[in-house]
Protein backbone atom coordinates (compact mmCIF):
# COMPACT_ATOMS: atom_id res chain seq x y z
CA MET A 1 152.15 -81.30 -44.22
CA GLU A 2 155.47 -79.37 -43.84
CA LEU A 3 153.93 -77.88 -47.58
CA ILE A 4 151.24 -76.48 -45.23
CA THR A 5 154.07 -74.92 -43.09
CA THR A 6 156.46 -73.75 -45.59
CA LEU A 7 153.14 -71.24 -47.00
CA GLY A 8 152.92 -69.97 -43.67
CA ILE A 9 149.61 -71.70 -43.07
CA ASP A 10 148.95 -72.37 -39.25
CA TRP A 11 147.07 -76.24 -40.39
CA LYS A 12 145.04 -76.14 -36.58
CA LEU A 13 144.15 -72.84 -37.49
CA LEU A 14 142.82 -73.91 -40.88
CA LEU A 15 141.20 -76.86 -39.23
CA VAL A 16 139.14 -74.67 -36.59
CA GLN A 17 138.72 -72.09 -39.56
CA LEU A 18 136.87 -74.95 -41.23
CA LEU A 19 135.49 -76.25 -38.43
CA ASN A 20 133.79 -73.15 -37.78
CA PHE A 21 132.74 -72.70 -41.17
CA GLY A 22 131.39 -76.10 -40.92
CA ILE A 23 129.10 -75.03 -37.99
CA LEU A 24 128.58 -71.94 -39.85
CA ILE A 25 127.27 -73.45 -42.64
CA VAL A 26 124.90 -75.94 -40.50
CA VAL A 27 123.58 -73.37 -38.42
CA LEU A 28 122.64 -71.15 -41.34
CA THR A 29 121.19 -74.22 -43.07
CA VAL A 30 118.95 -75.02 -39.71
CA LEU A 31 117.98 -71.77 -38.59
CA VAL A 32 117.47 -69.54 -42.02
CA TYR A 33 117.61 -71.09 -45.06
CA ARG A 34 115.28 -74.29 -44.33
CA PRO A 35 112.64 -71.38 -43.11
CA VAL A 36 113.18 -68.97 -45.80
CA LEU A 37 112.33 -72.57 -48.21
CA ARG A 38 109.57 -73.51 -45.72
CA LEU A 39 108.46 -69.62 -46.13
CA LEU A 40 108.80 -69.75 -49.69
CA ASP A 41 107.47 -72.99 -50.44
CA ASP A 42 104.32 -71.51 -48.36
CA ARG A 43 104.00 -68.46 -50.00
CA ARG A 44 103.97 -70.53 -52.95
CA GLU A 45 101.29 -72.90 -51.74
CA ARG A 46 99.50 -69.39 -50.82
CA ILE A 47 99.93 -68.21 -54.42
CA ARG A 48 98.61 -71.89 -56.02
CA LYS A 49 95.58 -71.74 -54.25
CA SER A 50 94.78 -68.28 -54.40
CA VAL A 51 95.29 -68.65 -57.76
CA GLU A 52 92.61 -71.90 -57.78
CA ASP A 53 90.07 -70.17 -55.66
CA THR A 54 90.39 -66.70 -58.09
CA LYS A 55 89.41 -69.86 -60.78
CA ALA A 56 86.60 -71.57 -58.77
CA ILE A 57 85.41 -67.80 -57.86
CA GLU A 58 85.45 -66.91 -61.52
CA ASN A 59 83.46 -69.77 -62.63
CA GLN A 60 80.66 -69.47 -60.22
CA ARG A 61 80.39 -65.64 -60.94
CA ARG A 62 80.10 -66.41 -64.44
CA GLU A 63 77.77 -69.75 -63.55
CA LEU A 64 75.79 -67.20 -61.30
CA ASP A 65 75.74 -64.73 -64.73
CA GLU A 66 74.17 -67.58 -67.13
CA PHE A 67 71.69 -68.26 -64.16
CA LYS A 68 70.79 -64.69 -63.66
CA ASN A 69 70.38 -64.07 -67.59
CA GLU A 70 68.20 -67.65 -67.50
CA GLN A 71 65.77 -65.98 -64.49
CA MET A 72 65.94 -62.45 -66.50
CA LYS A 73 64.80 -64.02 -69.47
CA LYS A 74 61.89 -66.06 -67.72
CA ILE A 75 60.87 -63.36 -65.59
CA ASP A 76 60.89 -61.02 -69.26
CA LEU A 77 58.72 -63.81 -70.38
CA GLU A 78 56.21 -63.93 -67.71
CA SER A 79 56.02 -60.32 -67.33
CA GLY A 80 54.90 -60.32 -71.06
CA LYS A 81 52.23 -62.90 -70.44
CA PHE A 82 50.74 -61.40 -67.31
CA LEU A 83 50.78 -58.21 -69.29
CA GLU A 84 48.84 -59.65 -72.15
CA ALA A 85 46.52 -61.56 -70.06
CA ALA A 86 46.21 -58.40 -67.81
CA LYS A 87 45.24 -56.64 -71.33
CA HIS A 88 43.08 -58.94 -72.41
CA GLN A 89 40.94 -58.92 -69.20
CA ALA A 90 41.18 -54.82 -69.08
CA GLU A 91 39.80 -55.07 -72.61
CA SER A 92 36.76 -58.00 -71.57
CA VAL A 93 36.25 -55.14 -68.43
CA LYS A 94 36.15 -52.27 -70.72
CA LYS A 95 33.39 -53.76 -73.02
CA GLU A 96 31.34 -55.54 -69.98
CA ILE A 97 31.64 -51.57 -68.73
CA LEU A 98 30.01 -50.54 -72.10
CA ALA A 99 27.79 -52.91 -72.31
CA ASN A 100 26.48 -52.29 -68.59
CA ALA A 101 26.93 -48.28 -69.66
CA GLU A 102 24.50 -49.15 -72.83
CA LYS A 103 21.91 -50.87 -71.11
CA GLU A 104 21.73 -48.49 -68.11
CA SER A 105 21.07 -45.68 -70.92
CA SER A 106 18.98 -47.59 -72.71
CA ALA A 107 16.97 -47.95 -69.30
CA ILE A 108 16.93 -44.08 -68.67
CA LEU A 109 16.18 -43.34 -71.83
CA THR A 110 13.33 -45.88 -71.66
CA LYS A 111 12.12 -44.57 -68.38
CA ALA A 112 12.35 -40.74 -69.89
CA LYS A 113 10.45 -41.81 -72.33
CA GLN A 114 7.28 -43.33 -70.08
CA ALA A 115 8.00 -40.23 -68.04
CA LEU A 116 7.31 -38.11 -70.98
CA ASP A 117 4.25 -39.58 -71.97
CA GLU A 118 3.00 -40.02 -68.56
CA GLU A 119 3.72 -36.08 -68.66
CA ARG A 120 2.01 -35.42 -71.74
CA GLY A 121 -1.20 -37.82 -71.03
CA ARG A 122 -1.16 -35.98 -67.49
CA MET A 123 -0.96 -32.83 -69.50
CA VAL A 124 -3.67 -33.77 -72.23
CA ARG A 125 -6.22 -35.31 -69.69
CA GLU A 126 -5.61 -31.53 -67.78
CA MET A 127 -6.19 -29.72 -70.72
CA GLN A 128 -9.29 -31.44 -71.82
CA GLY A 129 -10.76 -31.01 -68.62
CA ASN A 130 -9.64 -27.04 -68.64
CA LEU A 131 -11.37 -27.25 -71.93
CA ALA A 132 -14.24 -28.83 -70.93
CA SER A 133 -14.94 -26.61 -68.33
CA VAL A 134 -14.06 -23.85 -70.35
CA VAL A 135 -16.40 -24.83 -73.45
CA VAL A 136 -18.56 -25.68 -70.76
CA HIS A 137 -18.59 -22.18 -69.67
CA MET A 138 -18.51 -20.19 -72.75
CA ALA A 139 -21.53 -22.12 -73.92
CA GLU A 140 -23.82 -21.19 -70.92
CA LYS A 141 -22.96 -17.47 -71.69
CA ILE A 142 -24.11 -18.52 -75.43
CA ILE A 143 -27.02 -20.31 -74.44
CA GLU A 144 -28.03 -17.76 -71.59
CA ARG A 145 -28.05 -14.81 -73.98
CA GLU A 146 -29.74 -16.56 -76.99
CA PHE A 147 -31.84 -19.88 -75.74
CA SER A 148 -34.62 -20.10 -72.68
CA LYS A 149 -33.95 -21.84 -69.05
CA SER A 150 -35.38 -25.00 -70.11
CA ASP A 151 -33.26 -24.95 -73.67
CA GLN A 152 -30.03 -24.13 -71.72
CA ASP A 153 -30.52 -26.53 -69.27
CA ARG A 154 -30.77 -29.49 -72.22
CA LEU A 155 -28.46 -28.15 -74.38
CA ILE A 156 -25.48 -27.85 -70.82
CA LYS A 157 -26.70 -31.57 -70.40
CA ASP A 158 -26.04 -32.71 -73.80
CA VAL A 159 -22.67 -31.19 -74.40
CA GLU A 160 -21.62 -32.20 -70.66
CA LYS A 161 -22.24 -35.93 -72.14
CA SER A 162 -20.52 -35.57 -75.40
CA LEU A 163 -17.52 -33.24 -74.58
CA PRO A 164 -15.25 -36.28 -72.88
CA ALA A 165 -16.12 -38.63 -76.04
CA LEU A 166 -14.95 -35.53 -78.79
CA LEU A 167 -11.97 -34.46 -76.42
CA LYS A 168 -10.42 -38.03 -77.06
């Protein structure tokens, strides 16, 4: 101790300084160092957890992308099949419509031919009737000039009887 006093160091003051330094270290350790270490550990844990969550989210995104791609492929295949079926159905409907149109046109053509034949027959009958009356009238005129009344009546009756058979 003498050596300490000869050097000019006050041992009481040194002891108090050491005690103050020890208290300061304890206080700093308890109040600052440990909370800072806890804060750093918590931050390190949050970062680690964030990295794990990011990896999990990335894996989920990849799985979701794969699922989406598979679903899109399935949808493409189904829509292709649906379009193909629709094309076949449209073709069959088209054929059916064309067949119906052809049947209708045939029916219309047949009806028109029948109507034309009926009209032609009606006109022929009408013309026969007109022609018969004209021929009878002309025959009467000719007979009046050339034949007697009894000859005229007999010829008119003969013409009237034979004329329809001749016109057919």
